[in-house]
Amino acid sequence: MNWKTKEAERLLESILALETPDEARRFMRDLMTEGEIEEFARRLKAAELLASKMPYSQITKETGFSSTTIARISKWLNDGTGGYQLMIDRLHHHGSPPLGKGSN
């Protein structure tokens, strides 16, 4: 992925300009389909569950993802650029409860 394009830089600038959860909701909904939003939210949930050492079989039940998709998320969580872990750390530092059974 080339993050050096003008378009990619502009997207990152737009995300960084968001100030409230409502602004983020509105921007993300205009930018993505409902299905894309749900998919990305489930990926973050899977990453959080992986970070909490939950077994793949349970993550499959919680997210509906195949073990192949969970393995891919695990690869990015453990060997990627650190983005998932950064967000997990920040969310948990700011008091967001960890995800688990019954969380959306």
PDB file of N, CA and C in Angstrom:
ATOM      1  N   MET A   1       0.853  -1.187   0.000  1.00  0.00           N
ATOM      2  CA  MET A   1       0.000   0.000   0.000  1.00  0.00           C
ATOM      3  C   MET A   1       0.882   1.227   0.000  1.00  0.00           C
ATOM      4  N   ASN A   2       0.608   2.119  -0.888  1.00  0.00           N
ATOM      5  CA  ASN A   2       1.359   3.370  -0.966  1.00  0.00           C
ATOM      6  C   ASN A   2       0.607   4.475  -0.223  1.00  0.00           C
ATOM      7  N   TRP A   3       1.095   4.812   0.955  1.00  0.00           N
ATOM      8  CA  TRP A   3       0.459   5.859   1.763  1.00  0.00           C
ATOM      9  C   TRP A   3       0.927   7.248   1.346  1.00  0.00           C
ATOM     10  N   LYS A   4       1.806   7.332   0.353  1.00  0.00           N
ATOM     11  CA  LYS A   4       2.377   8.614  -0.057  1.00  0.00           C
ATOM     12  C   LYS A   4       1.567   9.311  -1.148  1.00  0.00           C
ATOM     13  N   THR A   5       0.452   8.726  -1.573  1.00  0.00           N
ATOM     14  CA  THR A   5      -0.357   9.402  -2.586  1.00  0.00           C
ATOM     15  C   THR A   5      -1.074  10.586  -1.945  1.00  0.00           C
ATOM     16  N   LYS A   6      -1.425  11.560  -2.760  1.00  0.00           N
ATOM     17  CA  LYS A   6      -2.160  12.724  -2.260  1.00  0.00           C
ATOM     18  C   LYS A   6      -3.492  12.294  -1.652  1.00  0.00           C
ATOM     19  N   GLU A   7      -4.137  11.329  -2.294  1.00  0.00           N
ATOM     20  CA  GLU A   7      -5.449  10.875  -1.822  1.00  0.00           C
ATOM     21  C   GLU A   7      -5.348  10.195  -0.459  1.00  0.00           C
ATOM     22  N   ALA A   8      -4.337   9.338  -0.293  1.00  0.00           N
ATOM     23  CA  ALA A   8      -4.163   8.649   0.985  1.00  0.00           C
ATOM     24  C   ALA A   8      -3.811   9.638   2.090  1.00  0.00           C
ATOM     25  N   GLU A   9      -2.947  10.578   1.778  1.00  0.00           N
ATOM     26  CA  GLU A   9      -2.586  11.602   2.763  1.00  0.00           C
ATOM     27  C   GLU A   9      -3.807  12.424   3.161  1.00  0.00           C
ATOM     28  N   ARG A  10      -4.638  12.741   2.183  1.00  0.00           N
ATOM     29  CA  ARG A  10      -5.844  13.528   2.461  1.00  0.00           C
ATOM     30  C   ARG A  10      -6.814  12.743   3.342  1.00  0.00           C
ATOM     31  N   LEU A  11      -6.942  11.441   3.094  1.00  0.00           N
ATOM     32  CA  LEU A  11      -7.794  10.600   3.930  1.00  0.00           C
ATOM     33  C   LEU A  11      -7.287  10.605   5.373  1.00  0.00           C
ATOM     34  N   LEU A  12      -5.990  10.434   5.559  1.00  0.00           N
ATOM     35  CA  LEU A  12      -5.421  10.443   6.911  1.00  0.00           C
ATOM     36  C   LEU A  12      -5.640  11.801   7.582  1.00  0.00           C
ATOM     37  N   GLU A  13      -5.448  12.867   6.845  1.00  0.00           N
ATOM     38  CA  GLU A  13      -5.701  14.200   7.401  1.00  0.00           C
ATOM     39  C   GLU A  13      -7.160  14.347   7.828  1.00  0.00           C
ATOM     40  N   SER A  14      -8.066  13.798   7.023  1.00  0.00           N
ATOM     41  CA  SER A  14      -9.497  13.876   7.346  1.00  0.00           C
ATOM     42  C   SER A  14      -9.803  13.132   8.634  1.00  0.00           C
ATOM     43  N   ILE A  15      -9.241  11.955   8.782  1.00  0.00           N
ATOM     44  CA  ILE A  15      -9.464  11.161   9.997  1.00  0.00           C
ATOM     45  C   ILE A  15      -8.920  11.896  11.218  1.00  0.00           C
ATOM     46  N   LEU A  16      -7.737  12.457  11.083  1.00  0.00           N
ATOM     47  CA  LEU A  16      -7.134  13.176  12.204  1.00  0.00           C
ATOM     48  C   LEU A  16      -7.883  14.458  12.560  1.00  0.00           C
ATOM     49  N   ALA A  17      -8.646  14.999  11.633  1.00  0.00           N
ATOM     50  CA  ALA A  17      -9.412  16.224  11.889  1.00  0.00           C
ATOM     51  C   ALA A  17     -10.708  15.964  12.649  1.00  0.00           C
ATOM     52  N   LEU A  18     -11.118  14.703  12.756  1.00  0.00           N
ATOM     53  CA  LEU A  18     -12.347  14.373  13.486  1.00  0.00           C
ATOM     54  C   LEU A  18     -12.154  14.672  14.967  1.00  0.00           C
ATOM     55  N   GLU A  19     -13.150  15.294  15.581  1.00  0.00           N
ATOM     56  CA  GLU A  19     -13.008  15.722  16.973  1.00  0.00           C
ATOM     57  C   GLU A  19     -13.910  14.991  17.956  1.00  0.00           C
ATOM     58  N   THR A  20     -15.002  14.423  17.492  1.00  0.00           N
ATOM     59  CA  THR A  20     -15.944  13.782  18.418  1.00  0.00           C
ATOM     60  C   THR A  20     -16.389  12.433  17.852  1.00  0.00           C
ATOM     61  N   PRO A  21     -16.919  11.574  18.710  1.00  0.00           N
ATOM     62  CA  PRO A  21     -17.477  10.317  18.197  1.00  0.00           C
ATOM     63  C   PRO A  21     -18.581  10.548  17.168  1.00  0.00           C
ATOM     64  N   ASP A  22     -19.391  11.578  17.370  1.00  0.00           N
ATOM     65  CA  ASP A  22     -20.457  11.865  16.409  1.00  0.00           C
ATOM     66  C   ASP A  22     -19.870  12.238  15.043  1.00  0.00           C
ATOM     67  N   GLU A  23     -18.830  13.061  15.032  1.00  0.00           N
ATOM     68  CA  GLU A  23     -18.178  13.406  13.765  1.00  0.00           C
ATOM     69  C   GLU A  23     -17.610  12.163  13.095  1.00  0.00           C
ATOM     70  N   ALA A  24     -16.987  11.295  13.887  1.00  0.00           N
ATOM     71  CA  ALA A  24     -16.411  10.066  13.340  1.00  0.00           C
ATOM     72  C   ALA A  24     -17.501   9.173  12.758  1.00  0.00           C
ATOM     73  N   ARG A  25     -18.623   9.025  13.479  1.00  0.00           N
ATOM     74  CA  ARG A  25     -19.754   8.228  12.994  1.00  0.00           C
ATOM     75  C   ARG A  25     -20.255   8.758  11.653  1.00  0.00           C
ATOM     76  N   ARG A  26     -20.452  10.060  11.600  1.00  0.00           N
ATOM     77  CA  ARG A  26     -20.995  10.672  10.390  1.00  0.00           C
ATOM     78  C   ARG A  26     -20.038  10.529   9.210  1.00  0.00           C
ATOM     79  N   PHE A  27     -18.752  10.757   9.451  1.00  0.00           N
ATOM     80  CA  PHE A  27     -17.772  10.639   8.377  1.00  0.00           C
ATOM     81  C   PHE A  27     -17.655   9.196   7.899  1.00  0.00           C
ATOM     82  N   MET A  28     -17.534   8.273   8.836  1.00  0.00           N
ATOM     83  CA  MET A  28     -17.392   6.864   8.463  1.00  0.00           C
ATOM     84  C   MET A  28     -18.621   6.372   7.697  1.00  0.00           C
ATOM     85  N   ARG A  29     -19.799   6.798   8.099  1.00  0.00           N
ATOM     86  CA  ARG A  29     -21.017   6.356   7.405  1.00  0.00           C
ATOM     87  C   ARG A  29     -21.076   6.914   5.992  1.00  0.00           C
ATOM     88  N   ASP A  30     -20.633   8.138   5.794  1.00  0.00           N
ATOM     89  CA  ASP A  30     -20.597   8.696   4.446  1.00  0.00           C
ATOM     90  C   ASP A  30     -19.501   8.054   3.596  1.00  0.00           C
ATOM     91  N   LEU A  31     -18.404   7.699   4.227  1.00  0.00           N
ATOM     92  CA  LEU A  31     -17.250   7.144   3.522  1.00  0.00           C
ATOM     93  C   LEU A  31     -17.437   5.679   3.143  1.00  0.00           C
ATOM     94  N   MET A  32     -18.052   4.904   4.043  1.00  0.00           N
ATOM     95  CA  MET A  32     -18.134   3.454   3.859  1.00  0.00           C
ATOM     96  C   MET A  32     -19.579   2.976   3.832  1.00  0.00           C
ATOM     97  N   THR A  33     -19.752   1.770   3.303  1.00  0.00           N
ATOM     98  CA  THR A  33     -21.064   1.135   3.361  1.00  0.00           C
ATOM     99  C   THR A  33     -21.292   0.614   4.778  1.00  0.00           C
ATOM    100  N   GLU A  34     -22.531   0.312   5.089  1.00  0.00           N
ATOM    101  CA  GLU A  34     -22.826  -0.276   6.402  1.00  0.00           C
ATOM    102  C   GLU A  34     -22.066  -1.584   6.577  1.00  0.00           C
ATOM    103  N   GLY A  35     -22.000  -2.382   5.514  1.00  0.00           N
ATOM    104  CA  GLY A  35     -21.279  -3.653   5.576  1.00  0.00           C
ATOM    105  C   GLY A  35     -19.799  -3.473   5.856  1.00  0.00           C
ATOM    106  N   GLU A  36     -19.188  -2.468   5.261  1.00  0.00           N
ATOM    107  CA  GLU A  36     -17.767  -2.202   5.507  1.00  0.00           C
ATOM    108  C   GLU A  36     -17.537  -1.773   6.949  1.00  0.00           C
ATOM    109  N   ILE A  37     -18.415  -0.932   7.462  1.00  0.00           N
ATOM    110  CA  ILE A  37     -18.287  -0.497   8.854  1.00  0.00           C
ATOM    111  C   ILE A  37     -18.396  -1.699   9.789  1.00  0.00           C
ATOM    112  N   GLU A  38     -19.387  -2.550   9.546  1.00  0.00           N
ATOM    113  CA  GLU A  38     -19.559  -3.745  10.381  1.00  0.00           C
ATOM    114  C   GLU A  38     -18.340  -4.658  10.288  1.00  0.00           C
ATOM    115  N   GLU A  39     -17.811  -4.833   9.084  1.00  0.00           N
ATOM    116  CA  GLU A  39     -16.629  -5.686   8.882  1.00  0.00           C
ATOM    117  C   GLU A  39     -15.427  -5.148   9.643  1.00  0.00           C
ATOM    118  N   PHE A  40     -15.160  -3.854   9.528  1.00  0.00           N
ATOM    119  CA  PHE A  40     -14.003  -3.274  10.212  1.00  0.00           C
ATOM    120  C   PHE A  40     -14.179  -3.313  11.727  1.00  0.00           C
ATOM    121  N   ALA A  41     -15.400  -3.103  12.191  1.00  0.00           N
ATOM    122  CA  ALA A  41     -15.669  -3.178  13.634  1.00  0.00           C
ATOM    123  C   ALA A  41     -15.430  -4.598  14.144  1.00  0.00           C
ATOM    124  N   ARG A  42     -15.846  -5.599  13.360  1.00  0.00           N
ATOM    125  CA  ARG A  42     -15.614  -6.992  13.772  1.00  0.00           C
ATOM    126  C   ARG A  42     -14.130  -7.339  13.750  1.00  0.00           C
ATOM    127  N   ARG A  43     -13.381  -6.775  12.804  1.00  0.00           N
ATOM    128  CA  ARG A  43     -11.931  -7.024  12.765  1.00  0.00           C
ATOM    129  C   ARG A  43     -11.264  -6.478  14.018  1.00  0.00           C
ATOM    130  N   LEU A  44     -11.648  -5.269  14.425  1.00  0.00           N
ATOM    131  CA  LEU A  44     -11.083  -4.698  15.648  1.00  0.00           C
ATOM    132  C   LEU A  44     -11.461  -5.555  16.845  1.00  0.00           C
ATOM    133  N   LYS A  45     -12.718  -6.006  16.890  1.00  0.00           N
ATOM    134  CA  LYS A  45     -13.150  -6.875  17.984  1.00  0.00           C
ATOM    135  C   LYS A  45     -12.318  -8.153  18.011  1.00  0.00           C
ATOM    136  N   ALA A  46     -12.090  -8.751  16.851  1.00  0.00           N
ATOM    137  CA  ALA A  46     -11.281  -9.977  16.788  1.00  0.00           C
ATOM    138  C   ALA A  46      -9.864  -9.703  17.278  1.00  0.00           C
ATOM    139  N   ALA A  47      -9.296  -8.567  16.907  1.00  0.00           N
ATOM    140  CA  ALA A  47      -7.947  -8.222  17.366  1.00  0.00           C
ATOM    141  C   ALA A  47      -7.914  -8.064  18.884  1.00  0.00           C
ATOM    142  N   GLU A  48      -8.937  -7.430  19.441  1.00  0.00           N
ATOM    143  CA  GLU A  48      -9.002  -7.283  20.897  1.00  0.00           C
ATOM    144  C   GLU A  48      -9.109  -8.648  21.581  1.00  0.00           C
ATOM    145  N   LEU A  49      -9.929  -9.519  21.014  1.00  0.00           N
ATOM    146  CA  LEU A  49     -10.097 -10.846  21.600  1.00  0.00           C
ATOM    147  C   LEU A  49      -8.812 -11.659  21.477  1.00  0.00           C
ATOM    148  N   LEU A  50      -8.118 -11.533  20.359  1.00  0.00           N
ATOM    149  CA  LEU A  50      -6.825 -12.202  20.205  1.00  0.00           C
ATOM    150  C   LEU A  50      -5.820 -11.682  21.227  1.00  0.00           C
ATOM    151  N   ALA A  51      -5.810 -10.367  21.423  1.00  0.00           N
ATOM    152  CA  ALA A  51      -4.891  -9.766  22.393  1.00  0.00           C
ATOM    153  C   ALA A  51      -5.183 -10.243  23.814  1.00  0.00           C
ATOM    154  N   SER A  52      -6.446 -10.594  24.062  1.00  0.00           N
ATOM    155  CA  SER A  52      -6.810 -11.096  25.393  1.00  0.00           C
ATOM    156  C   SER A  52      -6.588 -12.601  25.507  1.00  0.00           C
ATOM    157  N   LYS A  53      -6.002 -13.190  24.460  1.00  0.00           N
ATOM    158  CA  LYS A  53      -5.639 -14.620  24.429  1.00  0.00           C
ATOM    159  C   LYS A  53      -6.846 -15.550  24.334  1.00  0.00           C
ATOM    160  N   MET A  54      -7.951 -15.055  23.813  1.00  0.00           N
ATOM    161  CA  MET A  54      -9.122 -15.898  23.620  1.00  0.00           C
ATOM    162  C   MET A  54      -8.824 -16.902  22.493  1.00  0.00           C
ATOM    163  N   PRO A  55      -9.262 -18.151  22.631  1.00  0.00           N
ATOM    164  CA  PRO A  55      -9.031 -19.155  21.592  1.00  0.00           C
ATOM    165  C   PRO A  55      -9.767 -18.815  20.290  1.00  0.00           C
ATOM    166  N   TYR A  56      -9.170 -19.236  19.173  1.00  0.00           N
ATOM    167  CA  TYR A  56      -9.768 -18.996  17.862  1.00  0.00           C
ATOM    168  C   TYR A  56     -11.212 -19.480  17.806  1.00  0.00           C
ATOM    169  N   SER A  57     -11.474 -20.636  18.381  1.00  0.00           N
ATOM    170  CA  SER A  57     -12.831 -21.197  18.305  1.00  0.00           C
ATOM    171  C   SER A  57     -13.852 -20.264  18.949  1.00  0.00           C
ATOM    172  N   GLN A  58     -13.488 -19.638  20.041  1.00  0.00           N
ATOM    173  CA  GLN A  58     -14.395 -18.696  20.705  1.00  0.00           C
ATOM    174  C   GLN A  58     -14.523 -17.413  19.897  1.00  0.00           C
ATOM    175  N   ILE A  59     -13.413 -16.959  19.311  1.00  0.00           N
ATOM    176  CA  ILE A  59     -13.458 -15.736  18.493  1.00  0.00           C
ATOM    177  C   ILE A  59     -14.352 -15.974  17.277  1.00  0.00           C
ATOM    178  N   THR A  60     -14.303 -17.170  16.713  1.00  0.00           N
ATOM    179  CA  THR A  60     -15.180 -17.517  15.596  1.00  0.00           C
ATOM    180  C   THR A  60     -16.638 -17.382  16.014  1.00  0.00           C
ATOM    181  N   LYS A  61     -16.966 -17.880  17.203  1.00  0.00           N
ATOM    182  CA  LYS A  61     -18.344 -17.771  17.705  1.00  0.00           C
ATOM    183  C   LYS A  61     -18.736 -16.318  17.944  1.00  0.00           C
ATOM    184  N   GLU A  62     -17.818 -15.522  18.463  1.00  0.00           N
ATOM    185  CA  GLU A  62     -18.108 -14.118  18.807  1.00  0.00           C
ATOM    186  C   GLU A  62     -18.242 -13.230  17.567  1.00  0.00           C
ATOM    187  N   THR A  63     -17.436 -13.515  16.527  1.00  0.00           N
ATOM    188  CA  THR A  63     -17.361 -12.607  15.381  1.00  0.00           C
ATOM    189  C   THR A  63     -17.977 -13.158  14.105  1.00  0.00           C
ATOM    190  N   GLY A  64     -18.080 -14.486  14.009  1.00  0.00           N
ATOM    191  CA  GLY A  64     -18.543 -15.099  12.772  1.00  0.00           C
ATOM    192  C   GLY A  64     -17.442 -15.259  11.740  1.00  0.00           C
ATOM    193  N   PHE A  65     -16.212 -14.863  12.063  1.00  0.00           N
ATOM    194  CA  PHE A  65     -15.096 -15.000  11.141  1.00  0.00           C
ATOM    195  C   PHE A  65     -14.617 -16.442  11.066  1.00  0.00           C
ATOM    196  N   SER A  66     -14.076 -16.803   9.921  1.00  0.00           N
ATOM    197  CA  SER A  66     -13.444 -18.108   9.766  1.00  0.00           C
ATOM    198  C   SER A  66     -12.100 -18.097  10.496  1.00  0.00           C
ATOM    199  N   SER A  67     -11.565 -19.274  10.756  1.00  0.00           N
ATOM    200  CA  SER A  67     -10.253 -19.346  11.404  1.00  0.00           C
ATOM    201  C   SER A  67      -9.176 -18.736  10.506  1.00  0.00           C
ATOM    202  N   THR A  68      -9.362 -18.783   9.196  1.00  0.00           N
ATOM    203  CA  THR A  68      -8.405 -18.178   8.266  1.00  0.00           C
ATOM    204  C   THR A  68      -8.374 -16.661   8.439  1.00  0.00           C
ATOM    205  N   THR A  69      -9.534 -16.047   8.550  1.00  0.00           N
ATOM    206  CA  THR A  69      -9.607 -14.596   8.752  1.00  0.00           C
ATOM    207  C   THR A  69      -9.012 -14.225  10.104  1.00  0.00           C
ATOM    208  N   ILE A  70      -9.304 -15.003  11.124  1.00  0.00           N
ATOM    209  CA  ILE A  70      -8.757 -14.735  12.461  1.00  0.00           C
ATOM    210  C   ILE A  70      -7.234 -14.860  12.432  1.00  0.00           C
ATOM    211  N   ALA A  71      -6.725 -15.854  11.710  1.00  0.00           N
ATOM    212  CA  ALA A  71      -5.266 -16.018  11.588  1.00  0.00           C
ATOM    213  C   ALA A  71      -4.651 -14.802  10.891  1.00  0.00           C
ATOM    214  N   ARG A  72      -5.324 -14.274   9.885  1.00  0.00           N
ATOM    215  CA  ARG A  72      -4.820 -13.091   9.173  1.00  0.00           C
ATOM    216  C   ARG A  72      -4.787 -11.886  10.117  1.00  0.00           C
ATOM    217  N   ILE A  73      -5.838 -11.720  10.909  1.00  0.00           N
ATOM    218  CA  ILE A  73      -5.875 -10.614  11.872  1.00  0.00           C
ATOM    219  C   ILE A  73      -4.776 -10.800  12.916  1.00  0.00           C
ATOM    220  N   SER A  74      -4.577 -12.042  13.352  1.00  0.00           N
ATOM    221  CA  SER A  74      -3.524 -12.346  14.318  1.00  0.00           C
ATOM    222  C   SER A  74      -2.143 -11.994  13.757  1.00  0.00           C
ATOM    223  N   LYS A  75      -1.946 -12.298  12.476  1.00  0.00           N
ATOM    224  CA  LYS A  75      -0.665 -11.975  11.837  1.00  0.00           C
ATOM    225  C   LYS A  75      -0.421 -10.472  11.876  1.00  0.00           C
ATOM    226  N   TRP A  76      -1.431  -9.678  11.520  1.00  0.00           N
ATOM    227  CA  TRP A  76      -1.275  -8.222  11.538  1.00  0.00           C
ATOM    228  C   TRP A  76      -1.138  -7.704  12.961  1.00  0.00           C
ATOM    229  N   LEU A  77      -1.845  -8.315  13.912  1.00  0.00           N
ATOM    230  CA  LEU A  77      -1.743  -7.902  15.312  1.00  0.00           C
ATOM    231  C   LEU A  77      -0.326  -8.133  15.834  1.00  0.00           C
ATOM    232  N   ASN A  78       0.241  -9.283  15.496  1.00  0.00           N
ATOM    233  CA  ASN A  78       1.538  -9.665  16.054  1.00  0.00           C
ATOM    234  C   ASN A  78       2.740  -9.274  15.197  1.00  0.00           C
ATOM    235  N   ASP A  79       2.556  -9.201  13.885  1.00  0.00           N
ATOM    236  CA  ASP A  79       3.690  -8.949  12.998  1.00  0.00           C
ATOM    237  C   ASP A  79       3.452  -7.805  12.026  1.00  0.00           C
ATOM    238  N   GLY A  80       2.427  -7.033  12.249  1.00  0.00           N
ATOM    239  CA  GLY A  80       2.099  -5.936  11.339  1.00  0.00           C
ATOM    240  C   GLY A  80       2.827  -4.663  11.709  1.00  0.00           C
ATOM    241  N   THR A  81       2.180  -3.550  11.483  1.00  0.00           N
ATOM    242  CA  THR A  81       2.799  -2.249  11.736  1.00  0.00           C
ATOM    243  C   THR A  81       2.528  -1.715  13.137  1.00  0.00           C
ATOM    244  N   GLY A  82       1.761  -2.463  13.928  1.00  0.00           N
ATOM    245  CA  GLY A  82       1.470  -2.047  15.300  1.00  0.00           C
ATOM    246  C   GLY A  82       0.194  -1.248  15.464  1.00  0.00           C
ATOM    247  N   GLY A  83      -0.552  -1.080  14.376  1.00  0.00           N
ATOM    248  CA  GLY A  83      -1.770  -0.280  14.438  1.00  0.00           C
ATOM    249  C   GLY A  83      -2.851  -0.867  15.318  1.00  0.00           C
ATOM    250  N   TYR A  84      -3.084  -2.166  15.177  1.00  0.00           N
ATOM    251  CA  TYR A  84      -4.095  -2.802  16.034  1.00  0.00           C
ATOM    252  C   TYR A  84      -3.720  -2.641  17.506  1.00  0.00           C
ATOM    253  N   GLN A  85      -2.466  -2.958  17.843  1.00  0.00           N
ATOM    254  CA  GLN A  85      -2.063  -2.908  19.246  1.00  0.00           C
ATOM    255  C   GLN A  85      -2.131  -1.492  19.788  1.00  0.00           C
ATOM    256  N   LEU A  86      -1.762  -0.520  18.974  1.00  0.00           N
ATOM    257  CA  LEU A  86      -1.849   0.882  19.382  1.00  0.00           C
ATOM    258  C   LEU A  86      -3.282   1.237  19.767  1.00  0.00           C
ATOM    259  N   MET A  87      -4.233   0.861  18.931  1.00  0.00           N
ATOM    260  CA  MET A  87      -5.632   1.188  19.208  1.00  0.00           C
ATOM    261  C   MET A  87      -6.164   0.416  20.412  1.00  0.00           C
ATOM    262  N   ILE A  88      -5.797  -0.842  20.520  1.00  0.00           N
ATOM    263  CA  ILE A  88      -6.226  -1.639  21.680  1.00  0.00           C
ATOM    264  C   ILE A  88      -5.707  -0.996  22.960  1.00  0.00           C
ATOM    265  N   ASP A  89      -4.435  -0.639  22.970  1.00  0.00           N
ATOM    266  CA  ASP A  89      -3.845  -0.004  24.157  1.00  0.00           C
ATOM    267  C   ASP A  89      -4.546   1.312  24.483  1.00  0.00           C
ATOM    268  N   ARG A  90      -4.798   2.114  23.463  1.00  0.00           N
ATOM    269  CA  ARG A  90      -5.445   3.411  23.702  1.00  0.00           C
ATOM    270  C   ARG A  90      -6.883   3.249  24.175  1.00  0.00           C
ATOM    271  N   LEU A  91      -7.607   2.333  23.560  1.00  0.00           N
ATOM    272  CA  LEU A  91      -9.000   2.122  23.976  1.00  0.00           C
ATOM    273  C   LEU A  91      -9.074   1.638  25.415  1.00  0.00           C
ATOM    274  N   HIS A  92      -8.208   0.738  25.778  1.00  0.00           N
ATOM    275  CA  HIS A  92      -8.243   0.192  27.138  1.00  0.00           C
ATOM    276  C   HIS A  92      -7.698   1.203  28.143  1.00  0.00           C
ATOM    277  N   HIS A  93      -6.769   2.036  27.701  1.00  0.00           N
ATOM    278  CA  HIS A  93      -6.230   3.082  28.579  1.00  0.00           C
ATOM    279  C   HIS A  93      -7.294   4.140  28.881  1.00  0.00           C
ATOM    280  N   HIS A  94      -8.153   4.392  27.913  1.00  0.00           N
ATOM    281  CA  HIS A  94      -9.200   5.409  28.088  1.00  0.00           C
ATOM    282  C   HIS A  94     -10.457   4.858  28.742  1.00  0.00           C
ATOM    283  N   GLY A  95     -10.382   3.636  29.255  1.00  0.00           N
ATOM    284  CA  GLY A  95     -11.485   3.116  30.042  1.00  0.00           C
ATOM    285  C   GLY A  95     -12.533   2.332  29.279  1.00  0.00           C
ATOM    286  N   SER A  96     -12.326   2.099  27.990  1.00  0.00           N
ATOM    287  CA  SER A  96     -13.280   1.266  27.264  1.00  0.00           C
ATOM    288  C   SER A  96     -13.134  -0.167  27.745  1.00  0.00           C
ATOM    289  N   PRO A  97     -14.238  -0.808  28.104  1.00  0.00           N
ATOM    290  CA  PRO A  97     -14.122  -2.177  28.601  1.00  0.00           C
ATOM    291  C   PRO A  97     -13.715  -3.117  27.474  1.00  0.00           C
ATOM    292  N   PRO A  98     -12.941  -4.161  27.819  1.00  0.00           N
ATOM    293  CA  PRO A  98     -12.592  -5.165  26.812  1.00  0.00           C
ATOM    294  C   PRO A  98     -13.848  -5.829  26.268  1.00  0.00           C
ATOM    295  N   LEU A  99     -13.762  -6.291  25.051  1.00  0.00           N
ATOM    296  CA  LEU A  99     -14.902  -6.964  24.433  1.00  0.00           C
ATOM    297  C   LEU A  99     -14.964  -8.416  24.859  1.00  0.00           C
ATOM    298  N   GLY A 100     -16.151  -8.955  24.858  1.00  0.00           N
ATOM    299  CA  GLY A 100     -16.331 -10.360  25.175  1.00  0.00           C
ATOM    300  C   GLY A 100     -17.736 -10.755  24.832  1.00  0.00           C
ATOM    301  N   LYS A 101     -18.157 -11.869  25.342  1.00  0.00           N
ATOM    302  CA  LYS A 101     -19.491 -12.406  25.045  1.00  0.00           C
ATOM    303  C   LYS A 101     -20.561 -11.340  25.290  1.00  0.00           C
ATOM    304  N   GLY A 102     -21.395 -11.148  24.268  1.00  0.00           N
ATOM    305  CA  GLY A 102     -22.493 -10.221  24.400  1.00  0.00           C
ATOM    306  C   GLY A 102     -22.156  -8.797  24.039  1.00  0.00           C
ATOM    307  N   SER A 103     -20.887  -8.512  23.735  1.00  0.00           N
ATOM    308  CA  SER A 103     -20.508  -7.144  23.330  1.00  0.00           C
ATOM    309  C   SER A 103     -20.812  -6.944  21.867  1.00  0.00           C
ATOM    310  N   ASN A 104     -21.095  -5.713  21.482  1.00  0.00           N
ATOM    311  CA  ASN A 104     -21.347  -5.386  20.078  1.00  0.00           C
ATOM    312  C   ASN A 104     -20.313  -4.423  19.577  1.00  0.00           C
TER     313      ASN A 104
END
